Amino acid sequence: MSESRLTNQVKVLRFLTGEMTQSELGRKVGVTRQTIAAIEAGKYSPTLETAYRIADVFGKSIEEVFPWER
């Protein structure tokens, strides 16, 4: 069975959005810069609520920001 995993486009989207910092994104969604860094690095999976808030900041669907790789 192949391994599936949750990936993310957070870092790419931050840079495409006027090079938004991790701190700025964290403030907008109510988490710390360290949490954003951990999400980007794939070391932490955000709560569903946080994932939706991040997607909303970028005007994207949750699937666009957090694609599931099979």
Protein backbone atom coordinates (compact mmCIF):
# COMPACT_ATOMS: atom_id res chain seq x y z
CA MET A 1 0.00 0.00 0.00
CA SER A 2 1.43 3.37 -0.97
CA GLU A 3 1.78 6.07 1.63
CA SER A 4 -0.61 9.03 1.43
CA ARG A 5 0.22 12.35 2.97
CA LEU A 6 -1.09 15.84 3.44
CA THR A 7 1.08 18.43 1.70
CA ASN A 8 0.69 22.19 1.61
CA GLN A 9 1.25 25.23 -0.55
CA VAL A 10 1.41 27.73 2.31
CA LYS A 11 4.96 28.96 1.66
CA VAL A 12 4.32 29.40 -2.08
CA LEU A 13 1.06 31.24 -1.44
CA ARG A 14 2.71 33.56 1.11
CA PHE A 15 5.29 34.61 -1.47
CA LEU A 16 2.67 35.02 -4.19
CA THR A 17 0.74 37.29 -1.81
CA GLY A 18 3.25 40.12 -1.58
CA GLU A 19 5.80 38.02 0.30
CA MET A 20 3.63 37.82 3.42
CA THR A 21 5.70 36.79 6.44
CA GLN A 22 4.98 33.78 8.61
CA SER A 23 4.22 36.21 11.45
CA GLU A 24 1.70 38.14 9.34
CA LEU A 25 -0.08 34.95 8.32
CA GLY A 26 -0.05 33.71 11.90
CA ARG A 27 -1.67 36.94 13.11
CA LYS A 28 -4.37 36.69 10.43
CA VAL A 29 -5.31 33.13 11.39
CA GLY A 30 -4.68 33.32 15.14
CA VAL A 31 -1.59 31.11 15.50
CA THR A 32 2.10 31.76 16.15
CA ARG A 33 4.83 32.20 13.57
CA GLN A 34 6.32 28.95 14.84
CA THR A 35 3.07 27.12 14.06
CA ILE A 36 3.08 28.47 10.49
CA ALA A 37 6.74 27.42 10.11
CA ALA A 38 5.93 23.91 11.35
CA ILE A 39 2.94 23.63 8.99
CA GLU A 40 5.05 24.75 6.03
CA ALA A 41 7.77 22.23 6.91
CA GLY A 42 5.24 19.42 7.10
CA LYS A 43 6.08 18.82 10.76
CA TYR A 44 2.61 19.75 11.98
CA SER A 45 -0.85 19.24 10.52
CA PRO A 46 -3.11 22.18 11.32
CA THR A 47 -6.52 21.77 12.89
CA LEU A 48 -9.35 21.80 10.40
CA GLU A 49 -10.36 25.27 11.57
CA THR A 50 -6.83 26.63 11.12
CA ALA A 51 -6.56 25.03 7.68
CA TYR A 52 -9.79 26.73 6.61
CA ARG A 53 -8.61 30.07 8.03
CA ILE A 54 -5.33 29.82 6.10
CA ALA A 55 -7.18 28.96 2.89
CA ASP A 56 -9.52 31.91 3.46
CA VAL A 57 -6.60 34.35 3.82
CA PHE A 58 -5.43 33.35 0.35
CA GLY A 59 -8.92 33.14 -1.19
CA LYS A 60 -8.33 29.49 -2.04
CA SER A 61 -10.15 26.25 -1.34
CA ILE A 62 -8.75 24.07 1.41
CA GLU A 63 -7.85 21.48 -1.24
CA GLU A 64 -5.74 24.04 -3.13
CA VAL A 65 -3.76 24.94 -0.02
CA PHE A 66 -3.55 21.44 1.49
CA PRO A 67 -3.57 18.87 -1.34
CA TRP A 68 -3.71 15.21 -0.37
CA GLU A 69 -1.07 13.16 -2.17
CA ARG A 70 -1.84 9.50 -2.74
